[in-house]
Amino acid sequence: MLGNSSNSETSNPDSSLSAAIPNWLAPFLQRRLLICLFTGFASGLPLFIIIQLVPAWLRSEGVGLKEIGFFALVGIPYTWKFVWSPLMDRYAPSTLGRRRSWMLITQVLMLGSIGFLGFLDPKTQLSEIAILCAITAFLSASLDISIDAFRREILPDRELGLGNSIHVTTYRIAGLIPGSLSLILADHYAWDIVFIITAAFLSFGILMVLFSEEPEVNSHRPHTLKAAIIEPFREFFGRHGVQSALWILSFMFLYKLGDSMATALSTPFYLDLGFTKTEIGLVAKHAALWPAIFGGILGGILMLRIGINKALWLFGGVQIMSILGFALLAEVGYDLWVLALVIGFEYLGVGLGTAAFVAFIARTTSPAYTATQLALFTALTALPRTFASSTTGIIVESIGWTNFYLFCTAIAIPGMLLLFKVAPWHAQTSDLKKPELAD
């Protein structure tokens, strides 16, 4: 089995394996950390289909930037997933358990919704495409609820940084399917074939569900639906106090704001500069894969050594610099080497920043209300991507690509400043307010 049903350390067989391999590699071969490879891929693929492949498809079919920008609104389920997360925290629809049941159901349904997209015509069925994308976003957001809770429950606190770094790395790598492979295929095959092939990659997440185990912490699930709705909020604000809790929530909203807006129209941006879909796909494949892998390994190892707080500062700075890369490309124009540099640095910087950010969010949750609290926190992080990003098309047409990316850099700074409040550089783990497991 892939699963590791306890947060406690086991001496068998992981310890014997660790003795035979380099010290730096041993932590990555823990069963629960290997599972994070699959959770990241399964979580990232549907989102990148919506925000990368669909915009490229629409743009190539002659749909305007304003319409494509407003398409970001189909991601509203990501911002409201905390509304139905208590249901997923309370009920298990099958004998697989709460987390695995919901992961299986949502992925199977997405196989159908994504596979059917390519059979619609953007010129005459734009409304139908928007509805189907919204349904896919709802299923994807629901999958995120169960995957985030599942991952938090199998990882002990000391492995949150490394585990979430691995998750984020494969999350980003999943973007290479719709952002690279699918674009290359689109130059050779009809879009219906492209979407069917892309949807088929969901099978990796389905296999992960079937060959893993339900975490034992599920025995602490809320006893009633009312408790599942009320107690997560009461516990969070009670643990931190209202003022500190609001600082934390503000940070969660602002930390990825500039990055979310900068990447919202990245593929249409590349197309407008004159790059072909095949060029974008090939460059993305080679320039993004290795920085993403290197960044994930480096980020995980660094977070084991320096902690999550310092990682948020360091990785956040790299993340801001990666946004400036888009402004550089806008000025240079068509240049494959600069495109490769920008994409590679974007995968490195954004991947590092996201890894530390997701680890911070997971650390902030209570094991008793994992799904609901994680859904609330990650919904806040999705707000910029959904609502702010929906205006990106209008902003670009008003001020141009270069000024747009400079603007994205500027609005990334407030989130960094909030680190003084929520994650001071010299704060120790022992200084943080720890959640207690409910009886």
Protein backbone atom coordinates (compact mmCIF):
# COMPACT_ATOMS: atom_id res chain seq x y z
CA MET A 1 0.00 0.00 0.00
CA LEU A 2 1.08 3.60 -0.65
CA GLY A 3 -0.70 4.89 2.39
CA ASN A 4 0.74 5.56 5.80
CA SER A 5 -2.14 5.63 8.23
CA SER A 6 -0.33 7.23 11.13
CA ASN A 7 1.52 10.48 11.73
CA SER A 8 3.99 8.68 13.97
CA GLU A 9 7.38 7.57 12.80
CA THR A 10 7.79 3.96 11.71
CA SER A 11 11.01 2.05 11.73
CA ASN A 12 9.97 -0.43 9.08
CA PRO A 13 10.68 -0.40 6.21
CA ASP A 14 11.63 3.26 5.92
CA SER A 15 14.56 3.10 8.36
CA SER A 16 16.29 0.23 6.54
CA LEU A 17 15.79 2.03 3.24
CA SER A 18 17.29 5.24 4.63
CA ALA A 19 20.46 3.42 5.65
CA ALA A 20 21.14 2.38 2.05
CA ILE A 21 20.74 5.77 0.36
CA PRO A 22 22.26 9.27 0.70
CA ASN A 23 21.12 11.27 3.74
CA TRP A 24 19.69 14.11 1.63
CA LEU A 25 17.54 11.69 -0.39
CA ALA A 26 16.21 9.53 2.44
CA PRO A 27 13.43 11.89 3.59
CA PHE A 28 11.92 11.99 0.09
CA LEU A 29 11.35 8.20 0.10
CA GLN A 30 9.00 8.11 3.07
CA ARG A 31 5.70 6.57 1.96
CA ARG A 32 3.67 9.59 3.00
CA LEU A 33 6.02 11.88 1.08
CA LEU A 34 5.75 9.71 -2.02
CA ILE A 35 1.98 10.10 -1.79
CA CYS A 36 2.51 13.87 -1.93
CA LEU A 37 3.88 13.38 -5.46
CA PHE A 38 0.48 12.14 -6.57
CA THR A 39 -1.64 14.57 -4.54
CA GLY A 40 0.16 17.52 -6.13
CA PHE A 41 -0.30 16.21 -9.66
CA ALA A 42 -3.96 15.34 -9.12
CA SER A 43 -4.71 18.72 -7.55
CA GLY A 44 -2.85 20.83 -10.09
CA LEU A 45 -3.93 19.23 -13.36
CA PRO A 46 -7.62 20.34 -13.40
CA LEU A 47 -6.76 23.90 -12.37
CA PHE A 48 -4.10 24.30 -15.06
CA ILE A 49 -6.49 22.93 -17.66
CA ILE A 50 -8.90 25.74 -16.73
CA ILE A 51 -6.37 28.58 -16.47
CA GLN A 52 -3.86 27.53 -19.16
CA LEU A 53 -5.33 25.19 -21.76
CA VAL A 54 -8.82 26.71 -21.98
CA PRO A 55 -7.52 30.32 -22.48
CA ALA A 56 -5.08 29.11 -25.15
CA TRP A 57 -7.89 27.20 -26.87
CA LEU A 58 -10.22 30.20 -26.77
CA ARG A 59 -7.53 32.63 -27.97
CA SER A 60 -6.53 30.38 -30.85
CA GLU A 61 -10.19 30.25 -31.88
CA GLY A 62 -10.44 34.04 -32.01
CA VAL A 63 -12.02 34.83 -28.62
CA GLY A 64 -11.06 38.30 -27.27
CA LEU A 65 -8.84 39.00 -24.26
CA LYS A 66 -11.71 40.62 -22.33
CA GLU A 67 -13.85 37.52 -22.67
CA ILE A 68 -10.93 35.27 -21.76
CA GLY A 69 -10.16 37.46 -18.73
CA PHE A 70 -13.74 37.20 -17.50
CA PHE A 71 -13.45 33.42 -17.87
CA ALA A 72 -11.47 33.55 -14.63
CA LEU A 73 -14.84 33.93 -12.90
CA VAL A 74 -15.58 30.25 -13.57
CA GLY A 75 -13.09 29.68 -10.74
CA ILE A 76 -15.55 31.05 -8.17
CA PRO A 77 -15.98 27.56 -6.60
CA TYR A 78 -12.34 27.76 -5.45
CA THR A 79 -13.25 30.83 -3.37
CA TRP A 80 -16.42 29.35 -1.87
CA LYS A 81 -15.35 25.77 -1.22
CA PHE A 82 -15.42 26.33 2.53
CA VAL A 83 -19.23 26.49 2.23
CA TRP A 84 -19.61 22.78 1.45
CA SER A 85 -16.36 21.60 3.06
CA PRO A 86 -18.15 20.78 6.39
CA LEU A 87 -20.19 18.18 4.49
CA MET A 88 -16.97 16.59 3.30
CA ASP A 89 -15.53 16.80 6.82
CA ARG A 90 -18.56 15.07 8.31
CA TYR A 91 -19.71 12.44 5.81
CA ALA A 92 -18.05 9.56 3.94
CA PRO A 93 -20.01 8.55 0.81
CA SER A 94 -18.38 5.10 0.58
CA THR A 95 -16.43 2.52 2.55
CA LEU A 96 -13.17 4.04 1.27
CA GLY A 97 -13.41 6.68 4.03
CA ARG A 98 -14.04 10.41 3.96
CA ARG A 99 -10.94 11.60 2.15
CA ARG A 100 -10.48 8.81 -0.37
CA SER A 101 -14.19 8.62 -1.24
CA TRP A 102 -14.44 12.27 -2.21
CA MET A 103 -11.10 12.15 -4.06
CA LEU A 104 -12.30 9.23 -6.18
CA ILE A 105 -15.77 10.63 -6.95
CA THR A 106 -14.56 14.08 -8.02
CA GLN A 107 -11.79 12.77 -10.27
CA VAL A 108 -14.04 10.29 -12.06
CA LEU A 109 -16.58 13.04 -12.76
CA MET A 110 -13.85 15.35 -14.05
CA LEU A 111 -12.78 12.71 -16.54
CA GLY A 112 -16.13 13.29 -18.22
CA SER A 113 -16.37 17.07 -17.90
CA ILE A 114 -12.85 17.79 -19.19
CA GLY A 115 -13.01 15.18 -21.91
CA PHE A 116 -16.23 16.70 -23.29
CA LEU A 117 -14.91 20.29 -23.48
CA GLY A 118 -13.21 19.87 -26.84
CA PHE A 119 -16.48 18.88 -28.52
CA LEU A 120 -17.87 22.40 -27.99
CA ASP A 121 -17.37 25.32 -30.40
CA PRO A 122 -15.92 28.53 -28.86
CA LYS A 123 -17.46 30.62 -31.64
CA THR A 124 -21.06 29.54 -30.99
CA GLN A 125 -21.07 27.81 -27.59
CA LEU A 126 -19.05 30.12 -25.34
CA SER A 127 -21.77 30.07 -22.65
CA GLU A 128 -21.87 26.27 -22.63
CA ILE A 129 -18.08 26.17 -22.35
CA ALA A 130 -18.21 28.57 -19.38
CA ILE A 131 -20.83 26.39 -17.64
CA LEU A 132 -18.82 23.20 -18.18
CA CYS A 133 -15.64 24.93 -16.96
CA ALA A 134 -17.53 26.10 -13.86
CA ILE A 135 -18.67 22.52 -13.19
CA THR A 136 -15.10 21.31 -13.60
CA ALA A 137 -13.90 24.05 -11.23
CA PHE A 138 -16.49 22.94 -8.65
CA LEU A 139 -15.30 19.35 -8.87
CA SER A 140 -11.66 20.46 -8.77
CA ALA A 141 -12.27 22.65 -5.72
CA SER A 142 -14.00 19.73 -4.01
CA LEU A 143 -11.05 17.49 -4.87
CA ASP A 144 -8.74 20.08 -3.30
CA ILE A 145 -10.75 19.99 -0.07
CA SER A 146 -10.25 16.26 0.34
CA ILE A 147 -6.65 16.20 -0.94
CA ASP A 148 -5.54 19.07 1.32
CA ALA A 149 -7.11 17.41 4.35
CA PHE A 150 -5.71 14.00 3.40
CA ARG A 151 -2.20 15.41 3.00
CA ARG A 152 -2.35 17.36 6.26
CA GLU A 153 -3.49 14.28 8.14
CA ILE A 154 -0.74 11.96 6.91
CA LEU A 155 2.11 14.45 7.49
CA PRO A 156 3.60 15.09 10.95
CA ASP A 157 4.32 18.75 11.71
CA ARG A 158 8.07 18.45 11.14
CA GLU A 159 7.47 17.19 7.57
CA LEU A 160 4.93 19.84 6.57
CA GLY A 161 7.55 21.92 4.79
CA LEU A 162 9.06 19.02 2.84
CA GLY A 163 5.75 17.28 2.15
CA ASN A 164 4.08 20.42 0.88
CA SER A 165 7.16 21.28 -1.15
CA ILE A 166 6.88 17.93 -2.93
CA HIS A 167 3.15 18.50 -3.37
CA VAL A 168 3.67 21.95 -4.86
CA THR A 169 6.47 20.70 -7.14
CA THR A 170 4.28 18.05 -8.76
CA TYR A 171 1.39 20.54 -8.68
CA ARG A 172 3.47 22.81 -10.88
CA ILE A 173 4.74 19.92 -13.02
CA ALA A 174 1.11 18.99 -13.69
CA GLY A 175 0.85 22.33 -15.47
CA LEU A 176 3.21 20.99 -18.13
CA ILE A 177 0.47 18.66 -19.38
CA PRO A 178 -2.05 21.37 -20.42
CA GLY A 179 0.64 24.06 -20.75
CA SER A 180 3.06 22.07 -22.89
CA LEU A 181 2.00 18.64 -24.14
CA SER A 182 -1.59 19.66 -24.92
CA LEU A 183 -0.46 22.77 -26.81
CA ILE A 184 1.92 20.70 -28.93
CA LEU A 185 -0.84 18.19 -29.64
CA ALA A 186 -3.18 21.05 -30.60
CA ASP A 187 -0.94 21.88 -33.55
CA HIS A 188 -1.42 18.36 -34.91
CA TYR A 189 -4.82 17.11 -33.73
CA ALA A 190 -8.34 18.42 -33.29
CA TRP A 191 -9.22 19.97 -29.94
CA ASP A 192 -11.61 17.15 -29.00
CA ILE A 193 -8.71 14.66 -29.16
CA VAL A 194 -6.50 17.05 -27.19
CA PHE A 195 -8.96 17.37 -24.33
CA ILE A 196 -9.58 13.61 -24.18
CA ILE A 197 -5.84 12.89 -23.95
CA THR A 198 -5.40 15.63 -21.33
CA ALA A 199 -8.29 14.30 -19.22
CA ALA A 200 -6.76 10.82 -19.29
CA PHE A 201 -3.90 12.03 -17.07
CA LEU A 202 -6.41 12.17 -14.20
CA SER A 203 -5.97 8.41 -13.98
CA PHE A 204 -2.75 8.92 -11.97
CA GLY A 205 -4.72 10.55 -9.17
CA ILE A 206 -7.38 7.86 -9.31
CA LEU A 207 -4.75 5.14 -8.94
CA MET A 208 -3.27 7.01 -5.97
CA VAL A 209 -6.64 6.89 -4.24
CA LEU A 210 -7.11 3.17 -4.89
CA PHE A 211 -3.65 2.20 -3.61
CA SER A 212 -3.49 4.43 -0.51
CA GLU A 213 -5.02 4.14 2.95
CA GLU A 214 -7.35 6.37 4.93
CA PRO A 215 -5.57 8.35 7.71
CA GLU A 216 -6.37 7.16 11.24
CA VAL A 217 -6.95 10.77 12.35
CA ASN A 218 -10.34 10.50 10.64
CA SER A 219 -11.62 8.89 13.83
CA HIS A 220 -11.71 12.43 15.27
CA ARG A 221 -14.24 13.72 12.77
CA PRO A 222 -17.03 16.08 13.98
CA HIS A 223 -19.97 14.24 15.53
CA THR A 224 -22.65 16.43 13.91
CA LEU A 225 -22.97 18.60 10.81
CA LYS A 226 -23.54 21.64 13.05
CA ALA A 227 -20.23 20.96 14.81
CA ALA A 228 -18.51 20.56 11.44
CA ILE A 229 -19.75 24.03 10.42
CA ILE A 230 -19.29 26.05 13.61
CA GLU A 231 -16.38 24.52 15.50
CA PRO A 232 -13.63 25.07 12.88
CA PHE A 233 -14.23 28.84 12.94
CA ARG A 234 -14.60 28.98 16.72
CA GLU A 235 -11.38 27.00 17.22
CA PHE A 236 -9.33 29.17 14.84
CA PHE A 237 -10.41 32.55 16.23
CA GLY A 238 -10.28 31.23 19.79
CA ARG A 239 -6.73 29.96 19.38
CA HIS A 240 -5.29 33.14 17.83
CA GLY A 241 -7.62 35.89 19.06
CA VAL A 242 -9.63 38.01 16.64
CA GLN A 243 -6.91 40.55 15.80
CA SER A 244 -4.15 38.01 15.13
CA ALA A 245 -6.57 35.80 13.20
CA LEU A 246 -7.47 38.72 10.92
CA TRP A 247 -3.78 39.44 10.29
CA ILE A 248 -3.30 35.82 9.27
CA LEU A 249 -6.32 35.85 6.95
CA SER A 250 -5.14 39.11 5.36
CA PHE A 251 -1.73 37.60 4.74
CA MET A 252 -3.28 34.53 3.12
CA PHE A 253 -5.18 36.79 0.74
CA LEU A 254 -2.29 39.09 -0.20
CA TYR A 255 0.81 36.86 -0.33
CA LYS A 256 0.00 35.38 -3.76
CA LEU A 257 -1.98 38.31 -5.17
CA GLY A 258 0.69 39.65 -7.52
CA ASP A 259 1.74 36.18 -8.65
CA SER A 260 -1.86 35.11 -9.36
CA MET A 261 -2.53 38.15 -11.53
CA ALA A 262 0.81 37.88 -13.34
CA THR A 263 0.24 34.28 -14.41
CA ALA A 264 -3.48 34.59 -15.21
CA LEU A 265 -2.92 35.47 -18.89
CA SER A 266 0.57 34.04 -19.38
CA THR A 267 -0.32 31.82 -22.34
CA PRO A 268 -2.28 34.53 -24.24
CA PHE A 269 0.68 36.83 -23.44
CA TYR A 270 3.11 34.44 -25.12
CA LEU A 271 0.78 34.07 -28.11
CA ASP A 272 0.47 37.85 -28.48
CA LEU A 273 4.26 38.12 -28.61
CA GLY A 274 4.25 35.85 -31.66
CA PHE A 275 5.24 32.49 -30.17
CA THR A 276 3.51 29.47 -31.67
CA LYS A 277 1.69 26.94 -29.51
CA THR A 278 4.39 24.37 -30.27
CA GLU A 279 7.17 26.78 -29.30
CA ILE A 280 5.41 27.60 -26.03
CA GLY A 281 4.87 23.91 -25.37
CA LEU A 282 8.45 22.85 -26.12
CA VAL A 283 10.05 25.72 -24.22
CA ALA A 284 7.71 25.22 -21.27
CA LYS A 285 8.55 21.52 -21.21
CA HIS A 286 12.32 21.98 -21.11
CA ALA A 287 12.59 25.30 -19.27
CA ALA A 288 10.01 24.57 -16.58
CA LEU A 289 10.51 20.91 -15.69
CA TRP A 290 13.97 21.03 -14.19
CA PRO A 291 13.60 24.34 -12.33
CA ALA A 292 10.35 22.98 -10.85
CA ILE A 293 12.02 19.76 -9.72
CA PHE A 294 15.15 21.53 -8.46
CA GLY A 295 13.06 24.18 -6.70
CA GLY A 296 10.91 21.55 -5.02
CA ILE A 297 13.89 19.57 -3.72
CA LEU A 298 15.79 22.70 -2.67
CA GLY A 299 12.73 24.23 -1.04
CA GLY A 300 11.92 21.08 0.90
CA ILE A 301 15.46 20.65 2.18
CA LEU A 302 15.75 24.33 3.11
CA MET A 303 12.46 24.28 5.02
CA LEU A 304 13.70 21.30 7.02
CA ARG A 305 16.77 23.36 7.98
CA ILE A 306 15.55 26.96 8.28
CA GLY A 307 11.85 26.49 9.03
CA ILE A 308 8.71 27.77 7.36
CA ASN A 309 8.95 31.40 8.55
CA LYS A 310 12.33 32.15 7.01
CA ALA A 311 11.31 30.26 3.86
CA LEU A 312 8.32 32.58 3.43
CA TRP A 313 10.67 35.57 3.42
CA LEU A 314 13.33 34.12 1.13
CA PHE A 315 11.02 32.35 -1.31
CA GLY A 316 8.63 35.29 -1.41
CA GLY A 317 11.48 37.53 -2.56
CA VAL A 318 12.34 35.12 -5.38
CA GLN A 319 8.65 34.99 -6.28
CA ILE A 320 8.51 38.78 -6.72
CA MET A 321 11.61 38.72 -8.92
CA SER A 322 9.98 36.08 -11.14
CA ILE A 323 7.08 38.48 -11.82
CA LEU A 324 9.56 41.06 -13.12
CA GLY A 325 10.71 38.48 -15.64
CA PHE A 326 7.41 38.84 -17.48
CA ALA A 327 7.98 42.60 -17.76
CA LEU A 328 11.42 41.90 -19.22
CA LEU A 329 9.92 39.55 -21.81
CA ALA A 330 7.27 42.13 -22.72
CA GLU A 331 10.04 44.61 -23.52
CA VAL A 332 12.25 42.15 -25.40
CA GLY A 333 9.43 40.62 -27.43
CA TYR A 334 9.86 37.45 -29.47
CA ASP A 335 12.97 35.69 -28.18
CA LEU A 336 12.96 31.97 -27.40
CA TRP A 337 15.92 32.22 -25.01
CA VAL A 338 14.29 34.96 -22.96
CA LEU A 339 11.03 33.00 -22.97
CA ALA A 340 12.90 29.99 -21.61
CA LEU A 341 14.55 32.13 -18.92
CA VAL A 342 11.25 33.69 -17.87
CA ILE A 343 9.34 30.39 -17.74
CA GLY A 344 12.15 28.62 -15.91
CA PHE A 345 12.54 31.34 -13.30
CA GLU A 346 8.76 31.60 -12.91
CA TYR A 347 8.48 27.87 -12.13
CA LEU A 348 11.38 28.14 -9.70
CA GLY A 349 10.27 31.32 -7.92
CA VAL A 350 6.54 30.74 -7.82
CA GLY A 351 7.07 27.10 -6.91
CA LEU A 352 9.29 27.99 -3.95
CA GLY A 353 6.91 30.69 -2.72
CA THR A 354 3.91 28.42 -3.02
CA ALA A 355 5.63 25.57 -1.19
CA ALA A 356 6.37 27.72 1.85
CA PHE A 357 2.92 29.31 1.70
CA VAL A 358 1.06 25.99 1.58
CA ALA A 359 3.19 24.68 4.46
CA PHE A 360 2.28 27.79 6.49
CA ILE A 361 -1.42 27.26 5.80
CA ALA A 362 -1.24 23.58 6.78
CA ARG A 363 0.61 24.47 10.00
CA THR A 364 -2.15 26.92 10.90
CA THR A 365 -4.93 24.31 10.80
CA SER A 366 -6.29 22.13 13.58
CA PRO A 367 -6.15 18.34 12.99
CA ALA A 368 -9.74 18.10 14.24
CA TYR A 369 -11.17 20.32 11.48
CA THR A 370 -8.67 19.87 8.68
CA ALA A 371 -10.96 19.98 5.65
CA THR A 372 -13.04 23.00 6.65
CA GLN A 373 -10.16 25.17 7.88
CA LEU A 374 -7.95 24.32 4.91
CA ALA A 375 -10.89 25.01 2.57
CA LEU A 376 -11.40 28.42 4.19
CA PHE A 377 -7.72 29.32 4.04
CA THR A 378 -7.11 28.11 0.49
CA ALA A 379 -10.34 29.80 -0.63
CA LEU A 380 -8.81 33.10 0.47
CA THR A 381 -5.75 32.37 -1.65
CA ALA A 382 -8.01 31.65 -4.64
CA LEU A 383 -9.82 34.99 -4.40
CA PRO A 384 -7.07 36.94 -6.20
CA ARG A 385 -6.85 34.31 -8.92
CA THR A 386 -10.61 34.41 -9.49
CA PHE A 387 -11.76 38.00 -9.03
CA ALA A 388 -8.61 40.08 -9.48
CA SER A 389 -7.50 37.95 -12.41
CA SER A 390 -10.88 38.42 -14.11
CA THR A 391 -9.93 42.07 -14.66
CA THR A 392 -6.49 41.34 -16.09
CA GLY A 393 -7.68 41.48 -19.70
CA ILE A 394 -9.11 44.97 -19.18
CA ILE A 395 -5.96 46.15 -17.39
CA VAL A 396 -3.66 44.84 -20.11
CA GLU A 397 -5.68 46.49 -22.88
CA SER A 398 -5.55 49.76 -20.92
CA ILE A 399 -1.88 49.97 -19.89
CA GLY A 400 -0.06 47.34 -21.94
CA TRP A 401 1.83 44.19 -20.96
CA THR A 402 4.95 45.80 -19.47
CA ASN A 403 3.10 48.18 -17.13
CA PHE A 404 0.73 45.38 -16.21
CA TYR A 405 3.56 43.21 -14.91
CA LEU A 406 5.13 46.14 -13.05
CA PHE A 407 1.74 46.66 -11.43
CA CYS A 408 1.63 42.97 -10.44
CA THR A 409 5.07 43.37 -8.83
CA ALA A 410 3.89 46.37 -6.79
CA ILE A 411 0.79 44.66 -5.42
CA ALA A 412 2.89 41.68 -4.30
CA ILE A 413 4.72 43.85 -1.74
CA PRO A 414 1.93 44.26 0.91
CA GLY A 415 1.78 40.49 1.39
CA MET A 416 5.50 40.44 2.10
CA LEU A 417 5.16 43.25 4.64
CA LEU A 418 2.56 41.24 6.57
CA LEU A 419 5.24 38.66 7.32
CA PHE A 420 6.37 40.99 10.13
CA LYS A 421 3.04 40.18 11.82
CA VAL A 422 2.34 36.54 10.95
CA ALA A 423 5.77 34.95 10.42
CA PRO A 424 8.62 36.99 11.96
CA TRP A 425 12.06 35.98 10.76
CA HIS A 426 13.39 35.03 14.19
CA ALA A 427 10.23 33.34 15.53
CA GLN A 428 10.69 29.74 16.61
CA THR A 429 8.19 26.93 16.12
CA SER A 430 7.72 26.79 19.87
CA ASP A 431 6.56 30.40 19.83
CA LEU A 432 3.60 29.58 17.59
CA LYS A 433 0.13 28.81 18.88
CA LYS A 434 -0.42 25.12 18.31
CA PRO A 435 -3.86 23.65 17.58
CA GLU A 436 -5.13 20.93 19.83
CA LEU A 437 -6.76 17.73 18.60
CA ALA A 438 -10.40 17.62 19.61
CA ASP A 439 -11.73 14.69 21.58
